[in-house]
Amino acid sequence: MRLSTGYVRASGYAHKVRRVLFALVKGKVEPKEVVRAAGELNQRIFEEFQKLGVAKDDVVRITVEFEVRDGEIVWDYDSLSIEVYRKSEEERLAKAMEEVEEREKELEEKVKAIEELALNLKRLIDELIEKIEELKQEHTSLKLKAEE
């Protein structure tokens, strides 16, 4: 079987582990065994939190495999996985995203300005071509008049 806490603040992991475990093994083991096994797992998780430097405000997701043998819960600690999402990283990520959005807005404005310039240039080029055509017409008509 597998216990998964889902996302939970580090400060509330122990309660979540106990609740999830009770739900998973309801009717398969005695409540006293659930309390014992949850306490054992929570101690192990706490030690891992200390190694990882997990703060109370961080968000964690814990998963671990286990078996029920002869009415006892046996943890597979090799399968213990603790994902940590640090609050400080969330704040840095939010700032970075803000910066990216600002730069995207600036880029949009600059692209818009360049597009307007390109349209103005196209209009000027069209006017120049028109003037050149007019000059050619006038020059041709002058030639024809001189030939008469």
C-alpha atoms as a PDB file:
ATOM      1  CA  MET A   1       0.000   0.000   0.000  1.00  0.00           C
ATOM      2  CA  ARG A   2       1.025   3.584  -0.409  1.00  0.00           C
ATOM      3  CA  LEU A   3       0.535   6.595   1.827  1.00  0.00           C
ATOM      4  CA  SER A   4       0.484  10.010   0.136  1.00  0.00           C
ATOM      5  CA  THR A   5      -0.199  13.203   2.053  1.00  0.00           C
ATOM      6  CA  GLY A   6      -0.834  15.425  -0.919  1.00  0.00           C
ATOM      7  CA  TYR A   7       0.384  19.008  -0.531  1.00  0.00           C
ATOM      8  CA  VAL A   8       0.506  20.172   3.069  1.00  0.00           C
ATOM      9  CA  ARG A   9       2.362  22.835   5.061  1.00  0.00           C
ATOM     10  CA  ALA A  10       5.337  21.297   6.823  1.00  0.00           C
ATOM     11  CA  SER A  11       3.913  22.424  10.150  1.00  0.00           C
ATOM     12  CA  GLY A  12       0.867  20.160   9.643  1.00  0.00           C
ATOM     13  CA  TYR A  13       2.448  17.032   8.149  1.00  0.00           C
ATOM     14  CA  ALA A  14       2.162  14.826  11.295  1.00  0.00           C
ATOM     15  CA  HIS A  15      -1.589  15.283  11.610  1.00  0.00           C
ATOM     16  CA  LYS A  16      -2.054  14.664   7.874  1.00  0.00           C
ATOM     17  CA  VAL A  17       0.036  11.453   7.977  1.00  0.00           C
ATOM     18  CA  ARG A  18      -2.058  10.130  10.861  1.00  0.00           C
ATOM     19  CA  ARG A  19      -5.392  10.996   9.178  1.00  0.00           C
ATOM     20  CA  VAL A  20      -4.403   9.471   5.837  1.00  0.00           C
ATOM     21  CA  LEU A  21      -3.071   6.318   7.511  1.00  0.00           C
ATOM     22  CA  PHE A  22      -6.274   5.863   9.514  1.00  0.00           C
ATOM     23  CA  ALA A  23      -8.272   6.131   6.285  1.00  0.00           C
ATOM     24  CA  LEU A  24      -6.044   3.656   4.399  1.00  0.00           C
ATOM     25  CA  VAL A  25      -6.069   0.867   7.000  1.00  0.00           C
ATOM     26  CA  LYS A  26      -9.522   1.297   8.498  1.00  0.00           C
ATOM     27  CA  GLY A  27     -10.769  -2.141   9.590  1.00  0.00           C
ATOM     28  CA  LYS A  28      -7.432  -3.836   8.781  1.00  0.00           C
ATOM     29  CA  VAL A  29      -5.460  -2.946  11.927  1.00  0.00           C
ATOM     30  CA  GLU A  30      -6.218  -1.756  15.429  1.00  0.00           C
ATOM     31  CA  PRO A  31      -6.354   2.040  15.976  1.00  0.00           C
ATOM     32  CA  LYS A  32      -3.576   1.661  18.559  1.00  0.00           C
ATOM     33  CA  GLU A  33      -1.306   0.246  15.805  1.00  0.00           C
ATOM     34  CA  VAL A  34      -2.156   3.163  13.501  1.00  0.00           C
ATOM     35  CA  VAL A  35      -1.138   5.638  16.196  1.00  0.00           C
ATOM     36  CA  ARG A  36       2.123   3.737  16.817  1.00  0.00           C
ATOM     37  CA  ALA A  37       3.018   3.437  13.115  1.00  0.00           C
ATOM     38  CA  ALA A  38       2.109   7.072  12.396  1.00  0.00           C
ATOM     39  CA  GLY A  39       4.314   8.185  15.286  1.00  0.00           C
ATOM     40  CA  GLU A  40       7.198   6.076  13.986  1.00  0.00           C
ATOM     41  CA  LEU A  41       6.860   7.473  10.462  1.00  0.00           C
ATOM     42  CA  ASN A  42       6.434  11.036  11.685  1.00  0.00           C
ATOM     43  CA  GLN A  43       9.658  10.751  13.695  1.00  0.00           C
ATOM     44  CA  ARG A  44      11.500   9.591  10.571  1.00  0.00           C
ATOM     45  CA  ILE A  45       9.982  12.397   8.496  1.00  0.00           C
ATOM     46  CA  PHE A  46      10.940  14.963  11.157  1.00  0.00           C
ATOM     47  CA  GLU A  47      14.558  13.765  11.013  1.00  0.00           C
ATOM     48  CA  GLU A  48      14.513  14.097   7.213  1.00  0.00           C
ATOM     49  CA  PHE A  49      13.041  17.595   7.502  1.00  0.00           C
ATOM     50  CA  GLN A  50      15.941  18.579   9.736  1.00  0.00           C
ATOM     51  CA  LYS A  51      18.465  17.204   7.219  1.00  0.00           C
ATOM     52  CA  LEU A  52      16.711  19.030   4.380  1.00  0.00           C
ATOM     53  CA  GLY A  53      16.306  22.286   6.318  1.00  0.00           C
ATOM     54  CA  VAL A  54      12.532  22.325   5.877  1.00  0.00           C
ATOM     55  CA  ALA A  55      10.832  25.361   7.443  1.00  0.00           C
ATOM     56  CA  LYS A  56       7.336  25.325   8.966  1.00  0.00           C
ATOM     57  CA  ASP A  57       5.968  27.525   6.151  1.00  0.00           C
ATOM     58  CA  ASP A  58       7.314  25.289   3.379  1.00  0.00           C
ATOM     59  CA  VAL A  59       4.889  23.051   1.523  1.00  0.00           C
ATOM     60  CA  VAL A  60       5.674  19.331   1.378  1.00  0.00           C
ATOM     61  CA  ARG A  61       4.291  16.218  -0.240  1.00  0.00           C
ATOM     62  CA  ILE A  62       5.201  12.918   1.389  1.00  0.00           C
ATOM     63  CA  THR A  63       4.783   9.452  -0.064  1.00  0.00           C
ATOM     64  CA  VAL A  64       5.866   6.106   1.345  1.00  0.00           C
ATOM     65  CA  GLU A  65       5.056   2.462   0.700  1.00  0.00           C
ATOM     66  CA  PHE A  66       4.012   0.123   3.521  1.00  0.00           C
ATOM     67  CA  GLU A  67       2.599  -3.331   4.223  1.00  0.00           C
ATOM     68  CA  VAL A  68       0.280  -4.714   6.832  1.00  0.00           C
ATOM     69  CA  ARG A  69       1.817  -7.904   8.279  1.00  0.00           C
ATOM     70  CA  ASP A  70       0.164  -9.790  11.123  1.00  0.00           C
ATOM     71  CA  GLY A  71      -1.817  -6.721  12.161  1.00  0.00           C
ATOM     72  CA  GLU A  72       1.244  -4.441  12.102  1.00  0.00           C
ATOM     73  CA  ILE A  73       2.143  -1.626   9.721  1.00  0.00           C
ATOM     74  CA  VAL A  74       5.635  -2.072   8.289  1.00  0.00           C
ATOM     75  CA  TRP A  75       7.145   0.958   6.514  1.00  0.00           C
ATOM     76  CA  ASP A  76       9.339   0.687   3.420  1.00  0.00           C
ATOM     77  CA  TYR A  77      11.624   3.602   4.271  1.00  0.00           C
ATOM     78  CA  ASP A  78      13.568   3.140   1.022  1.00  0.00           C
ATOM     79  CA  SER A  79      10.463   4.362  -0.793  1.00  0.00           C
ATOM     80  CA  LEU A  80      10.060   7.453   1.428  1.00  0.00           C
ATOM     81  CA  SER A  81       9.827  10.521  -0.793  1.00  0.00           C
ATOM     82  CA  ILE A  82       9.615  14.069   0.511  1.00  0.00           C
ATOM     83  CA  GLU A  83       9.031  16.852  -2.014  1.00  0.00           C
ATOM     84  CA  VAL A  84       9.729  20.304  -0.607  1.00  0.00           C
ATOM     85  CA  TYR A  85       8.394  23.552  -2.034  1.00  0.00           C
ATOM     86  CA  ARG A  86      10.063  26.355  -0.148  1.00  0.00           C
ATOM     87  CA  LYS A  87       8.132  29.499   0.649  1.00  0.00           C
ATOM     88  CA  SER A  88      11.219  31.618  -0.013  1.00  0.00           C
ATOM     89  CA  GLU A  89      11.459  30.084  -3.489  1.00  0.00           C
ATOM     90  CA  GLU A  90       7.797  30.891  -4.133  1.00  0.00           C
ATOM     91  CA  GLU A  91       8.477  34.534  -3.310  1.00  0.00           C
ATOM     92  CA  ARG A  92      11.539  34.611  -5.591  1.00  0.00           C
ATOM     93  CA  LEU A  93       9.568  32.875  -8.332  1.00  0.00           C
ATOM     94  CA  ALA A  94       6.737  35.403  -7.991  1.00  0.00           C
ATOM     95  CA  LYS A  95       9.254  38.282  -8.291  1.00  0.00           C
ATOM     96  CA  ALA A  96      10.891  36.663 -11.301  1.00  0.00           C
ATOM     97  CA  MET A  97       7.501  36.173 -12.965  1.00  0.00           C
ATOM     98  CA  GLU A  98       6.658  39.825 -12.308  1.00  0.00           C
ATOM     99  CA  GLU A  99       9.934  40.841 -13.953  1.00  0.00           C
ATOM    100  CA  VAL A 100       9.262  38.572 -16.939  1.00  0.00           C
ATOM    101  CA  GLU A 101       5.775  40.043 -17.353  1.00  0.00           C
ATOM    102  CA  GLU A 102       7.179  43.596 -17.213  1.00  0.00           C
ATOM    103  CA  ARG A 103       9.796  42.782 -19.841  1.00  0.00           C
ATOM    104  CA  GLU A 104       7.188  41.103 -22.053  1.00  0.00           C
ATOM    105  CA  LYS A 105       5.067  44.256 -21.812  1.00  0.00           C
ATOM    106  CA  GLU A 106       8.083  46.422 -22.735  1.00  0.00           C
ATOM    107  CA  LEU A 107       8.862  44.113 -25.641  1.00  0.00           C
ATOM    108  CA  GLU A 108       5.249  44.320 -26.844  1.00  0.00           C
ATOM    109  CA  GLU A 109       5.381  48.108 -26.744  1.00  0.00           C
ATOM    110  CA  LYS A 110       8.672  48.187 -28.674  1.00  0.00           C
ATOM    111  CA  VAL A 111       7.380  45.732 -31.268  1.00  0.00           C
ATOM    112  CA  LYS A 112       4.251  47.860 -31.674  1.00  0.00           C
ATOM    113  CA  ALA A 113       6.409  50.979 -32.183  1.00  0.00           C
ATOM    114  CA  ILE A 114       8.520  49.163 -34.796  1.00  0.00           C
ATOM    115  CA  GLU A 115       5.380  47.941 -36.570  1.00  0.00           C
ATOM    116  CA  GLU A 116       4.104  51.550 -36.728  1.00  0.00           C
ATOM    117  CA  LEU A 117       7.453  52.669 -38.144  1.00  0.00           C
ATOM    118  CA  ALA A 118       7.310  49.890 -40.724  1.00  0.00           C
ATOM    119  CA  LEU A 119       3.803  50.971 -41.758  1.00  0.00           C
ATOM    120  CA  ASN A 120       4.961  54.591 -42.037  1.00  0.00           C
ATOM    121  CA  LEU A 121       7.934  53.500 -44.131  1.00  0.00           C
ATOM    122  CA  LYS A 122       5.662  51.456 -46.401  1.00  0.00           C
ATOM    123  CA  ARG A 123       3.377  54.452 -46.829  1.00  0.00           C
ATOM    124  CA  LEU A 124       6.398  56.667 -47.663  1.00  0.00           C
ATOM    125  CA  ILE A 125       7.736  54.087 -50.118  1.00  0.00           C
ATOM    126  CA  ASP A 126       4.322  53.914 -51.803  1.00  0.00           C
ATOM    127  CA  GLU A 127       4.290  57.735 -52.033  1.00  0.00           C
ATOM    128  CA  LEU A 128       7.817  57.740 -53.488  1.00  0.00           C
ATOM    129  CA  ILE A 129       6.880  55.147 -56.091  1.00  0.00           C
ATOM    130  CA  GLU A 130       3.805  57.178 -56.981  1.00  0.00           C
ATOM    131  CA  LYS A 131       5.915  60.357 -57.358  1.00  0.00           C
ATOM    132  CA  ILE A 132       8.451  58.494 -59.507  1.00  0.00           C
ATOM    133  CA  GLU A 133       5.639  57.227 -61.737  1.00  0.00           C
ATOM    134  CA  GLU A 134       4.269  60.774 -62.041  1.00  0.00           C
ATOM    135  CA  LEU A 135       7.729  62.055 -62.986  1.00  0.00           C
ATOM    136  CA  LYS A 136       8.076  59.321 -65.610  1.00  0.00           C
ATOM    137  CA  GLN A 137       4.674  60.247 -67.024  1.00  0.00           C
ATOM    138  CA  GLU A 138       5.606  63.922 -67.151  1.00  0.00           C
ATOM    139  CA  HIS A 139       9.013  63.141 -68.712  1.00  0.00           C
ATOM    140  CA  THR A 140       7.430  60.887 -71.319  1.00  0.00           C
ATOM    141  CA  SER A 141       4.779  63.450 -72.175  1.00  0.00           C
ATOM    142  CA  LEU A 142       7.506  66.149 -72.499  1.00  0.00           C
ATOM    143  CA  LYS A 143       9.399  63.889 -74.910  1.00  0.00           C
ATOM    144  CA  LEU A 144       6.314  63.331 -76.990  1.00  0.00           C
ATOM    145  CA  LYS A 145       5.571  67.084 -77.133  1.00  0.00           C
ATOM    146  CA  ALA A 146       9.148  67.827 -78.216  1.00  0.00           C
ATOM    147  CA  GLU A 147       8.893  65.263 -80.991  1.00  0.00           C
ATOM    148  CA  GLU A 148       5.795  66.897 -82.470  1.00  0.00           C
END
